[in-house]
Protein backbone atom coordinates (compact mmCIF):
# COMPACT_ATOMS: atom_id res chain seq x y z
CA MET A 1 83.27 70.15 81.16
CA LYS A 2 86.89 70.31 82.29
CA ILE A 3 88.64 73.67 82.06
CA SER A 4 92.19 74.55 81.03
CA LEU A 5 92.79 77.99 82.49
CA ALA A 6 95.50 80.45 81.42
CA LEU A 7 96.30 83.54 83.50
CA SER A 8 98.38 86.14 81.69
CA GLY A 9 101.11 88.46 82.84
CA GLY A 10 100.61 92.09 83.78
CA GLY A 11 101.92 92.58 87.32
CA SER A 12 99.53 93.48 90.11
CA ARG A 13 96.89 94.61 87.60
CA ALA A 14 96.83 91.09 86.17
CA ALA A 15 96.83 89.48 89.61
CA ILE A 16 93.76 91.45 90.67
CA PHE A 17 91.93 91.10 87.34
CA HIS A 18 92.46 87.34 87.49
CA LEU A 19 91.11 87.21 91.05
CA GLY A 20 87.96 88.90 89.77
CA ALA A 21 87.62 86.38 86.95
CA LEU A 22 88.22 83.51 89.38
CA LYS A 23 85.52 84.95 91.63
CA ARG A 24 83.06 84.80 88.72
CA LEU A 25 83.97 81.17 88.08
CA ALA A 26 83.53 80.45 91.78
CA VAL A 27 80.08 82.06 91.85
CA ALA A 28 79.14 79.66 89.06
CA GLY A 29 80.68 76.73 90.97
CA LEU A 30 83.28 76.12 88.26
CA LEU A 31 86.60 76.17 90.11
CA GLU A 32 86.20 72.45 90.76
CA ASP A 33 86.32 71.89 86.98
CA VAL A 34 89.79 73.42 86.49
CA ALA A 35 92.05 70.55 85.37
CA LYS A 36 95.00 72.55 84.03
CA LEU A 37 96.39 75.92 85.02
CA SER A 38 99.03 77.82 83.05
CA THR A 39 100.35 81.14 84.34
CA VAL A 40 102.76 83.91 83.45
CA SER A 41 104.25 86.69 85.61
CA GLY A 42 101.36 88.40 87.45
CA GLY A 43 99.25 85.31 86.80
CA SER A 44 101.92 83.17 88.48
CA LEU A 45 102.07 85.52 91.47
CA VAL A 46 98.35 85.32 92.12
CA ALA A 47 98.24 81.56 91.60
CA ALA A 48 101.10 81.20 94.08
CA LEU A 49 99.05 83.27 96.56
CA VAL A 50 95.95 81.12 96.00
CA PHE A 51 97.80 77.84 96.59
CA SER A 52 99.88 79.16 99.52
CA HIS A 53 96.87 80.54 101.36
CA ASN A 54 94.82 77.38 100.86
CA GLY A 55 97.17 74.74 102.19
CA HIS A 56 98.81 74.19 98.79
CA GLN A 57 95.52 72.94 97.36
CA TRP A 58 93.32 74.37 94.64
CA PRO A 59 90.31 75.86 96.43
CA THR A 60 86.72 74.81 96.04
CA SER A 61 84.40 77.53 94.80
CA GLU A 62 82.94 78.05 98.27
CA ARG A 63 86.36 78.16 99.93
CA PHE A 64 87.58 80.71 97.39
CA LEU A 65 84.62 83.02 97.93
CA THR A 66 84.49 82.87 101.72
CA ALA A 67 88.18 82.64 102.68
CA VAL A 68 90.78 82.85 99.92
CA TYR A 69 89.50 85.89 98.03
CA PRO A 70 88.97 88.05 101.14
CA GLU A 71 92.44 87.17 102.46
CA LEU A 72 94.18 87.95 99.18
CA ARG A 73 92.22 91.19 98.86
CA THR A 74 93.70 92.28 102.19
CA ILE A 75 97.23 91.28 101.22
CA LEU A 76 97.23 93.00 97.83
CA SER A 77 95.46 96.10 99.13
CA ASP A 78 97.65 96.64 102.19
CA THR A 79 101.10 95.16 101.51
CA ASP A 80 103.91 96.53 99.34
CA LEU A 81 105.75 93.64 97.67
CA PHE A 82 108.50 95.13 95.51
CA THR A 83 109.10 98.88 95.40
CA PRO A 84 112.14 101.11 94.78
CA GLY A 85 112.26 101.89 98.48
CA ILE A 86 112.41 98.22 99.42
CA VAL A 87 115.18 97.64 96.88
CA LEU A 88 117.20 100.60 98.12
CA ARG A 89 117.01 99.22 101.64
CA SER A 90 118.45 95.90 100.41
CA PRO A 91 121.87 96.79 98.90
CA ALA A 92 122.99 93.15 98.97
CA HIS A 93 120.29 92.45 96.37
CA TRP A 94 120.75 95.45 94.09
CA PHE A 95 122.16 93.19 91.40
CA ARG A 96 120.08 90.17 92.37
CA ARG A 97 116.63 91.71 92.41
CA ALA A 98 114.86 88.51 91.29
CA ARG A 99 116.32 86.74 94.32
CA LEU A 100 115.01 89.60 96.46
CA LEU A 101 111.58 89.21 94.88
CA ALA A 102 111.53 85.51 95.83
CA ALA A 103 112.44 86.39 99.42
CA LEU A 104 109.77 89.10 99.58
CA LEU A 105 107.13 86.74 98.22
CA GLU A 106 107.79 84.52 101.23
CA SER A 107 108.09 87.21 103.90
CA ARG A 108 105.49 89.73 102.72
CA TRP A 109 102.90 87.74 100.79
CA GLY A 110 103.24 84.40 102.57
CA VAL A 111 104.15 82.37 99.47
CA ARG A 112 105.79 79.33 101.05
CA GLY A 113 106.53 75.70 100.38
CA LYS A 114 108.17 73.70 97.62
CA LEU A 115 106.95 72.87 94.15
CA ALA A 116 106.64 69.28 95.38
CA ASP A 117 104.00 70.47 97.88
CA LEU A 118 101.59 71.36 95.08
CA PRO A 119 98.70 69.05 94.23
CA VAL A 120 98.80 66.63 91.30
CA SER A 121 95.54 68.16 90.08
CA PRO A 122 95.04 70.66 88.69
CA ILE A 123 98.43 70.48 87.03
CA TRP A 124 99.97 73.94 87.22
CA PHE A 125 102.44 75.14 84.58
CA ILE A 126 104.53 78.10 85.83
CA ASN A 127 105.97 79.69 82.68
CA THR A 128 109.33 81.43 82.46
CA THR A 129 111.81 82.19 79.65
CA CYS A 130 115.21 80.49 79.57
CA LEU A 131 117.92 82.95 78.55
CA ARG A 132 120.21 80.15 77.40
CA THR A 133 117.78 78.42 75.01
CA GLY A 134 115.25 81.17 74.37
CA LYS A 135 112.48 78.65 75.06
CA ASN A 136 109.53 78.34 77.42
CA TRP A 137 110.99 76.92 80.62
CA ARG A 138 108.24 75.51 82.85
CA PHE A 139 107.94 74.49 86.45
CA THR A 140 105.33 71.98 87.58
CA GLN A 141 104.72 69.95 90.72
CA ASP A 142 106.85 67.12 89.29
CA GLY A 143 109.13 68.68 86.71
CA MET A 144 111.07 71.59 85.23
CA GLY A 145 112.88 72.46 82.03
CA ASP A 146 112.35 73.11 78.34
CA TRP A 147 112.57 70.91 75.26
CA ARG A 148 116.08 72.07 74.34
CA PHE A 149 117.67 72.20 77.79
CA GLY A 150 116.12 68.96 79.01
CA TRP A 151 113.62 67.93 81.68
CA HIS A 152 114.10 67.14 85.35
CA TYR A 153 111.43 65.24 87.27
CA THR A 154 112.23 66.30 90.85
CA PRO A 155 112.57 70.09 90.92
CA PRO A 156 114.18 71.18 94.23
CA PHE A 157 113.02 74.78 94.16
CA SER A 158 110.52 76.70 96.23
CA LEU A 159 107.19 78.00 95.02
CA ALA A 160 108.43 81.54 95.66
CA GLU A 161 111.49 80.98 93.42
CA ALA A 162 109.38 79.62 90.57
CA ALA A 163 106.87 82.48 90.83
CA ALA A 164 109.68 85.06 91.05
CA ALA A 165 111.31 83.65 87.91
CA SER A 166 107.99 83.83 86.10
CA ALA A 167 107.65 87.50 87.11
CA ALA A 168 111.32 88.51 86.62
CA VAL A 169 110.61 91.41 84.24
CA PRO A 170 113.66 92.21 82.08
CA TYR A 171 115.41 95.51 82.81
CA VAL A 172 113.34 96.02 85.98
CA ILE A 173 113.86 92.91 88.08
CA GLY A 174 116.22 90.91 85.87
CA ALA A 175 116.84 87.21 85.57
CA LEU A 176 116.71 84.74 88.43
CA LYS A 177 119.78 82.52 88.52
CA LEU A 178 119.28 78.99 89.81
CA ARG A 179 121.89 76.31 90.48
CA LEU A 180 120.65 73.08 88.94
CA PRO A 181 120.88 69.41 90.00
CA ARG A 182 123.73 67.61 88.22
CA GLU A 183 121.86 64.34 87.79
CA GLY A 184 118.41 63.32 86.67
CA TRP A 185 118.01 65.14 83.32
CA TRP A 186 116.11 63.63 80.41
CA ARG A 187 115.15 64.23 76.83
CA ARG A 188 111.40 63.81 76.37
CA ASP A 189 109.30 62.65 73.47
CA PRO A 190 107.71 65.84 72.05
CA ALA A 191 104.38 64.10 71.48
CA THR A 192 103.97 62.01 74.62
CA LYS A 193 106.16 64.02 77.03
CA GLU A 194 107.59 60.68 78.21
CA PRO A 195 111.33 60.42 79.01
CA VAL A 196 113.28 58.78 76.20
CA GLN A 197 116.98 59.42 76.92
CA SER A 198 118.99 60.19 80.04
CA ILE A 199 121.31 63.17 79.51
CA GLY A 200 123.85 65.15 81.48
CA VAL A 201 122.94 68.60 82.72
CA THR A 202 123.27 71.13 79.90
CA ALA A 203 124.69 73.78 82.23
CA PRO A 204 125.28 73.98 85.98
CA THR A 205 123.08 77.05 86.32
CA VAL A 206 120.16 78.58 84.47
CA GLU A 207 118.99 82.18 84.22
CA LEU A 208 115.26 82.63 83.89
CA TRP A 209 113.32 85.69 82.79
CA ASP A 210 109.69 86.68 82.99
CA GLY A 211 107.54 84.17 81.10
CA GLY A 212 106.06 87.08 79.15
CA ALA A 213 109.35 87.50 77.30
CA TYR A 214 108.41 84.29 75.49
CA GLU A 215 104.63 84.45 75.52
CA ASN A 216 102.52 86.53 77.89
CA LEU A 217 99.20 84.68 77.69
CA GLY A 218 100.38 81.32 79.05
CA LEU A 219 98.71 79.48 76.19
CA GLU A 220 101.50 77.20 75.02
CA PRO A 221 101.22 74.43 77.68
CA ILE A 222 97.46 74.04 77.17
CA TYR A 223 96.83 74.94 73.55
CA LYS A 224 98.56 74.84 70.17
CA PRO A 225 97.21 76.50 67.01
CA ARG A 226 94.83 74.54 64.80
CA GLY A 227 92.88 73.21 67.74
CA ASP A 228 95.42 71.08 69.58
CA ILE A 229 94.72 71.38 73.29
CA GLY A 230 97.39 68.93 74.32
CA GLY A 231 95.27 65.89 75.12
CA GLY A 232 94.04 64.96 78.59
CA ASP A 233 90.56 65.54 79.86
CA SER A 234 90.45 69.34 79.62
CA GLU A 235 87.93 70.43 77.05
CA PHE A 236 87.42 74.18 77.48
CA VAL A 237 90.34 76.59 77.16
CA LEU A 238 89.72 79.80 79.10
CA VAL A 239 92.27 82.59 78.76
CA SER A 240 92.29 85.57 81.13
CA ASP A 241 94.30 88.32 79.42
CA ALA A 242 95.13 91.30 81.63
CA GLY A 243 98.02 92.60 79.56
CA GLY A 244 97.29 96.22 78.76
CA PRO A 245 97.72 97.77 75.30
CA LEU A 246 101.11 99.10 74.24
CA SER A 247 101.53 102.62 75.57
CA ASP A 248 101.30 105.44 73.05
CA ASP A 249 103.90 107.36 75.05
CA PRO A 250 107.34 105.88 74.38
CA SER A 251 109.11 108.49 76.54
CA TRP A 252 111.12 109.83 73.64
CA THR A 253 113.37 111.99 75.82
CA GLU A 254 114.61 108.97 77.69
CA MET A 255 114.90 106.93 74.52
CA LEU A 256 117.14 109.58 72.92
CA ARG A 257 119.40 109.28 75.94
CA GLY A 258 119.58 105.56 75.33
CA ASN A 259 117.87 104.69 78.58
CA LEU A 260 114.63 103.07 77.38
CA SER A 261 115.18 102.03 73.78
CA VAL A 262 115.77 98.34 74.52
CA PRO A 263 112.84 98.02 76.97
CA ARG A 264 110.60 99.76 74.43
CA LEU A 265 111.64 97.28 71.73
CA PHE A 266 110.91 94.46 74.16
CA ASP A 267 107.43 95.89 74.80
CA ILE A 268 106.75 96.17 71.06
CA ALA A 269 107.79 92.56 70.41
CA SER A 270 105.78 91.29 73.38
CA ASP A 271 102.69 93.18 72.21
CA GLN A 272 102.97 91.66 68.75
CA ILE A 273 103.41 88.14 70.12
CA ARG A 274 100.36 88.62 72.34
CA SER A 275 98.29 89.89 69.42
CA LEU A 276 99.29 86.99 67.15
CA ARG A 277 98.68 84.34 69.81
CA SER A 278 95.29 85.70 70.80
CA ARG A 279 94.27 86.09 67.13
CA MET A 280 95.16 82.46 66.36
CA PHE A 281 93.29 81.29 69.43
CA ILE A 282 90.13 83.24 68.55
CA GLN A 283 90.27 81.99 64.96
CA ASP A 284 90.37 78.39 66.21
CA VAL A 285 87.47 79.06 68.58
CA GLU A 286 85.38 80.67 65.86
CA ALA A 287 86.17 77.85 63.44
CA GLY A 288 85.05 75.27 65.99
CA ARG A 289 88.47 73.66 66.25
CA VAL A 290 88.63 74.31 69.99
CA ASP A 291 86.12 75.17 72.69
CA GLY A 292 87.20 78.26 74.56
CA SER A 293 86.88 81.93 75.41
CA LEU A 294 89.19 84.89 75.83
CA LEU A 295 88.60 87.26 78.77
CA ARG A 296 90.28 90.46 77.68
CA ILE A 297 90.80 93.45 79.95
CA GLY A 298 89.48 96.85 78.89
CA ASN A 299 85.88 96.41 77.74
CA SER A 300 82.82 97.15 79.86
CA THR A 301 79.79 94.88 80.10
CA ARG A 302 77.92 97.16 77.67
CA GLN A 303 80.77 97.05 75.16
CA LEU A 304 81.04 93.28 75.43
CA ASP A 305 77.30 92.87 74.95
CA VAL A 306 77.47 94.92 71.76
CA SER A 307 80.51 92.99 70.55
CA ILE A 308 79.14 89.52 71.33
CA LYS A 309 75.37 89.88 70.89
CA LYS A 310 75.48 92.91 68.54
CA ARG A 311 73.28 94.97 70.86
CA ALA A 312 73.13 96.42 74.35
CA TRP A 313 70.42 93.99 75.46
CA ARG A 314 70.29 94.66 79.19
CA ALA A 315 67.53 96.98 80.38
CA ASP A 316 69.80 98.67 82.88
CA TYR A 317 73.60 98.97 82.90
CA GLY A 318 73.59 100.80 86.22
CA PRO A 319 74.79 97.72 88.17
CA TYR A 320 77.87 97.45 85.91
CA LEU A 321 81.04 99.48 85.48
CA SER A 322 80.79 102.26 82.92
CA ASP A 323 82.94 102.30 79.78
CA GLN A 324 85.15 104.90 81.46
CA ASP A 325 85.61 102.87 84.64
CA ALA A 326 86.47 99.75 82.65
CA LYS A 327 89.10 101.70 80.76
CA ARG A 328 90.43 103.10 84.02
CA ALA A 329 90.76 99.58 85.43
CA SER A 330 92.66 98.45 82.32
CA GLN A 331 95.14 101.29 82.80
CA PHE A 332 95.95 100.43 86.39
CA PRO A 333 99.74 100.19 86.90
CA THR A 334 101.52 96.86 86.86
CA GLY A 335 103.89 97.64 89.73
CA LEU A 336 103.98 95.44 92.82
CA LYS A 337 103.08 97.94 95.52
CA ARG A 338 99.98 98.03 97.68
CA THR A 339 96.88 98.99 95.75
CA GLY A 340 94.44 100.21 98.40
CA THR A 341 90.96 98.70 98.61
CA ASP A 342 89.28 101.09 96.15
CA SER A 343 91.69 100.33 93.33
CA PHE A 344 91.68 96.62 94.15
CA ASP A 345 87.89 96.48 94.01
CA LEU A 346 87.77 98.40 90.73
CA VAL A 347 90.17 96.05 88.90
CA ALA A 348 88.73 92.88 90.50
CA ARG A 349 85.20 93.97 89.62
CA HIS A 350 86.32 94.58 86.06
CA GLY A 351 87.76 91.06 85.85
CA TYR A 352 84.55 89.66 87.30
CA GLU A 353 82.34 91.57 84.85
CA VAL A 354 84.47 90.67 81.80
CA ALA A 355 84.13 86.99 82.75
CA ASP A 356 80.42 87.41 83.47
CA ALA A 357 79.58 89.10 80.14
CA THR A 358 81.87 86.92 78.03
CA LEU A 359 80.79 83.57 79.43
CA ASN A 360 77.14 84.64 79.47
CA GLY A 361 77.22 85.38 75.78
CA TYR A 362 79.78 83.18 74.10
CA GLY A 363 81.09 79.60 74.05
CA LYS A 364 79.96 76.33 75.54
CA LEU A 365 80.72 77.34 79.10
CA LEU A 366 77.55 79.43 79.26
CA ILE A 367 76.59 80.89 82.61
CA GLU A 368 73.72 83.03 83.82
CA SER A 369 74.70 86.67 84.31
CA VAL A 370 75.10 87.66 87.97
CA PRO A 371 75.96 91.32 88.63
CA TRP A 372 78.89 92.09 90.91
CA GLY A 373 76.66 93.52 93.61
CA ASP A 374 74.50 90.39 93.74
CA ALA A 375 77.63 88.20 94.04
CA GLN A 376 78.93 90.39 96.86
CA ALA A 377 75.68 90.05 98.77
CA ALA A 378 75.58 86.29 98.25
CA VAL A 379 78.93 85.68 99.96
CA SER A 380 78.71 88.34 102.68
CA PRO A 381 77.37 87.29 106.10
CA PRO A 382 74.27 89.08 107.38
CA GLN A 383 75.00 92.31 109.24
CA GLY A 384 76.19 91.57 112.76
CA GLU A 385 76.91 87.89 112.08
CA PRO A 386 80.59 86.87 111.98
CA ALA A 387 81.74 85.07 108.84
CA GLU A 388 82.93 82.04 110.87
CA SER A 389 79.40 81.28 112.02
CA ARG A 390 77.95 80.97 108.56
């Protein structure tokens, strides 16, 4: 069964949670079945890491477990990407912070290459929000644009620029401004996505915001309500949602000063969009209109067992994160600074266990439950034996 995979926004928390979910798919040998990938913000950052550190190819399950995951664990645990200190040391970028983020993705995280370097399969949709049109602007290996602005079939931009645009959080990083090609723009047929009319460029530049400003789950390129999954050979829609709940603390003191009122309104609107999108998706899954599952951050294995199978059926929940630890993982900050190995392992394990419990109990992509500790032992070389010799 082919998989259409969506990785949500949520900064470094999302990036690590998604790595844990990908690890669970890899343990089941399912990464080879991913035919479409749609990402937002933190999901785009981690996908950019995966491709960049695997020769711009989607990894096999074995390659992910033995090489890609360990390397990305080291990078995210040990390397600050975007912090106030880094910004302060870069005064030339104080008002172009998204451009700074793109540069830091290259220099600090090793995200290199052009969009054209990506593989044809799986097709990867990098989601952003176009300030001019208010629509979902996408980058792919062979295209960029939105349905109102137009579509260009030879995007000249780097992978770091596309990922930075997808993660350009309003009011924190700000929009990424790109100068566009003057020629080669098309109107596309909404149904077939085929070019139907050559057009002039709508504007010489475009400003792109975080894809989560439009829709933080990354569902739109791979799924429409009422069971439309966009054709193609992908049959199972798997959504990894690492967006945390809306904070109960709106920082009223700052809001009264006028400092946070607009960001707070943005957070409220984004939370509502996320809730509506996920609700429609689950309704279609439950009605049998689409095959799929939602991996949602925040619930422990025990809580998911009760929710899905209506009982805590496992004899021993000792090998799994407690309810409290799962909640702690879901509250991990979204900032882009180094996490340390303990925090990385907590959030990644939570992503792994959410995928394990959800896919073990629900949907057509059923897998046998494998505890985190067993998966760790399976991919670790015997003591004293170097990994290269395995």
